[in-house]
Protein backbone atom coordinates (compact mmCIF):
# COMPACT_ATOMS: atom_id res chain seq x y z
CA MET A 1 -71.16 -115.36 -16.70
CA LYS A 2 -67.34 -115.55 -16.49
CA LEU A 3 -67.17 -115.29 -20.27
CA PHE A 4 -69.36 -112.17 -20.17
CA LYS A 5 -67.12 -110.52 -17.54
CA PHE A 6 -64.02 -111.39 -19.56
CA ALA A 7 -65.58 -109.94 -22.72
CA MET A 8 -66.45 -106.73 -20.88
CA LEU A 9 -62.92 -106.40 -19.51
CA ALA A 10 -61.43 -107.06 -22.93
CA ALA A 11 -63.70 -104.48 -24.58
CA ALA A 12 -63.10 -101.70 -22.03
CA PRO A 13 -59.90 -100.35 -23.65
CA LEU A 14 -61.69 -100.15 -26.99
CA LEU A 15 -64.52 -98.16 -25.45
CA PHE A 16 -62.15 -95.69 -23.83
CA SER A 17 -59.96 -95.32 -26.93
CA ASN A 18 -63.10 -94.53 -28.91
CA CYS A 19 -63.80 -91.69 -26.44
CA LYS A 20 -60.37 -90.22 -27.17
CA ASP A 21 -61.06 -90.47 -30.92
CA VAL A 22 -64.34 -88.61 -30.48
CA GLU A 23 -62.57 -85.99 -28.34
CA ALA A 24 -59.84 -85.56 -30.96
CA LYS A 25 -62.40 -85.22 -33.78
CA GLY A 26 -64.15 -82.60 -31.65
CA ASP A 27 -60.83 -80.75 -31.43
CA VAL A 28 -60.63 -80.70 -35.25
CA THR A 29 -64.14 -79.27 -35.47
CA PHE A 30 -63.38 -76.73 -32.73
CA ALA A 31 -60.10 -75.63 -34.35
CA ARG A 32 -61.67 -75.25 -37.77
CA SER A 33 -64.70 -73.29 -36.59
CA THR A 34 -62.53 -71.07 -34.39
CA PHE A 35 -60.16 -70.29 -37.25
CA GLU A 36 -63.05 -69.57 -39.59
CA SER A 37 -64.65 -67.21 -37.07
CA LEU A 38 -61.33 -65.46 -36.55
CA ALA A 39 -60.79 -65.09 -40.31
CA LYS A 40 -64.28 -63.58 -40.61
CA GLY A 41 -63.59 -61.13 -37.78
CA GLU A 42 -66.39 -62.43 -35.56
CA THR A 43 -65.89 -61.15 -32.02
CA SER A 44 -67.80 -64.17 -30.73
CA VAL A 45 -64.49 -66.04 -31.20
CA ILE A 46 -62.80 -64.11 -28.38
CA PRO A 47 -63.66 -66.59 -25.57
CA LYS A 48 -62.37 -69.46 -27.72
CA ILE A 49 -58.79 -68.15 -27.70
CA ASP A 50 -56.36 -68.73 -24.84
CA TRP A 51 -55.17 -65.13 -24.77
CA GLU A 52 -52.61 -65.68 -22.02
CA THR A 53 -50.64 -68.26 -24.03
CA PHE A 54 -51.69 -67.47 -27.60
CA ASN A 55 -49.02 -67.49 -30.30
CA SER A 56 -49.82 -66.37 -33.84
CA SER A 57 -47.28 -67.08 -36.58
CA GLY A 58 -44.37 -66.70 -34.20
CA THR A 59 -45.73 -63.60 -32.47
CA PRO A 60 -46.12 -64.11 -28.71
CA VAL A 61 -49.58 -62.56 -28.51
CA GLY A 62 -50.01 -63.98 -25.01
CA ALA A 63 -46.95 -62.16 -23.66
CA GLN A 64 -48.18 -58.88 -25.16
CA TYR A 65 -51.63 -59.50 -23.72
CA ILE A 66 -50.40 -60.30 -20.21
CA ALA A 67 -48.29 -57.12 -20.18
CA LEU A 68 -51.38 -54.92 -20.58
CA PRO A 69 -52.14 -53.05 -17.36
CA ASN A 70 -55.91 -53.44 -17.04
CA ASP A 71 -59.05 -55.22 -18.22
CA SER A 72 -60.14 -52.34 -20.43
CA GLU A 73 -56.92 -52.44 -22.44
CA LYS A 74 -57.07 -56.24 -22.63
CA GLU A 75 -60.60 -56.07 -24.01
CA SER A 76 -59.52 -53.50 -26.58
CA TYR A 77 -56.53 -55.67 -27.52
CA ARG A 78 -58.71 -58.76 -28.05
CA ASN A 79 -61.18 -56.85 -30.25
CA SER A 80 -58.37 -55.22 -32.24
CA PHE A 81 -56.59 -58.52 -32.75
CA VAL A 82 -59.70 -60.18 -34.18
CA THR A 83 -60.42 -57.23 -36.46
CA GLN A 84 -56.81 -56.98 -37.67
CA PHE A 85 -56.50 -60.73 -38.17
CA ALA A 86 -59.59 -60.74 -40.38
CA ALA A 87 -58.40 -57.69 -42.34
CA SER A 88 -54.97 -59.23 -42.87
CA PHE A 89 -56.53 -62.53 -43.95
CA ARG A 90 -58.81 -60.76 -46.42
CA ASP A 91 -56.11 -58.36 -47.70
CA SER A 92 -53.71 -61.23 -48.37
CA GLY A 93 -56.33 -62.90 -50.57
CA GLY A 94 -57.20 -65.60 -48.04
CA LYS A 95 -60.33 -67.60 -48.71
CA LEU A 96 -61.75 -70.07 -46.23
CA GLU A 97 -62.65 -72.51 -49.01
CA ASP A 98 -58.93 -72.77 -49.87
CA PHE A 99 -58.29 -74.58 -46.57
CA THR A 100 -58.90 -78.27 -47.11
CA ASN A 101 -58.13 -81.67 -45.65
CA TRP A 102 -58.65 -80.67 -42.01
CA ARG A 103 -57.11 -83.37 -39.85
CA LEU A 104 -55.65 -84.26 -36.50
CA THR A 105 -51.86 -84.42 -36.71
CA ASP A 106 -50.91 -84.72 -33.03
CA HIS A 107 -52.81 -85.35 -29.81
CA ASP A 108 -51.63 -85.78 -26.25
CA GLU A 109 -52.86 -84.99 -22.74
CA ILE A 110 -51.91 -81.31 -23.06
CA SER A 111 -52.90 -80.28 -26.56
CA THR A 112 -54.10 -81.24 -30.00
CA GLU A 113 -52.58 -80.11 -33.27
CA VAL A 114 -54.94 -79.70 -36.21
CA THR A 115 -53.61 -79.18 -39.73
CA ALA A 116 -55.24 -77.99 -42.94
CA ASP A 117 -53.79 -77.73 -46.43
CA SER A 118 -53.78 -74.37 -48.21
CA PRO A 119 -52.40 -73.14 -51.53
CA THR A 120 -49.41 -71.59 -49.73
CA GLY A 121 -48.59 -74.38 -47.27
CA LEU A 122 -49.95 -75.90 -44.10
CA LEU A 123 -52.06 -74.22 -41.46
CA LYS A 124 -51.33 -75.67 -38.02
CA LEU A 125 -53.64 -74.88 -35.13
CA THR A 126 -53.02 -75.91 -31.54
CA VAL A 127 -55.97 -76.53 -29.26
CA SER A 128 -55.33 -76.66 -25.53
CA GLU A 129 -57.58 -76.95 -22.53
CA ARG A 130 -57.85 -74.26 -19.85
CA ASN A 131 -60.39 -74.41 -17.03
CA ASN A 132 -61.98 -77.47 -18.66
CA GLU A 133 -62.65 -75.60 -21.91
CA GLU A 134 -61.06 -75.97 -25.32
CA ARG A 135 -59.17 -72.91 -26.48
CA LEU A 136 -57.08 -72.05 -29.49
CA SER A 137 -53.52 -71.50 -28.24
CA ALA A 138 -51.48 -71.24 -31.46
CA ILE A 139 -51.71 -70.56 -35.19
CA GLN A 140 -48.78 -71.36 -37.42
CA ILE A 141 -48.33 -71.25 -41.19
CA VAL A 142 -45.76 -73.73 -42.52
CA LYS A 143 -44.63 -73.14 -46.10
């Protein structure tokens, strides 16, 4: 019985570290699907973005969003951003199949960084948690 208890105590850290690995892999899946929805212009992506802190390629989208005076203008801003992001992606020749090797590159208690390779450099996506929900908080292209 003592051996069993010792084995359980020794295995506990492995069980909990596996949970973090599963969580991190979930972040990769979340980041990828969110980016793909954004690139397609799907408005269903809107709740998956942390609009108050969002940063897109160095543009402080969150600061612009917070400065809007009312909910109606914020809703219009969110819809316009998704539409314009998709149009810009398409107009620049972006293709979702060009983004490969999706992987976790950094993970801590606050956020997860997911990276994908593309013909023009690296796509880095930051996933954060707000109100116990994953949200995309940053998009960065590194050439």
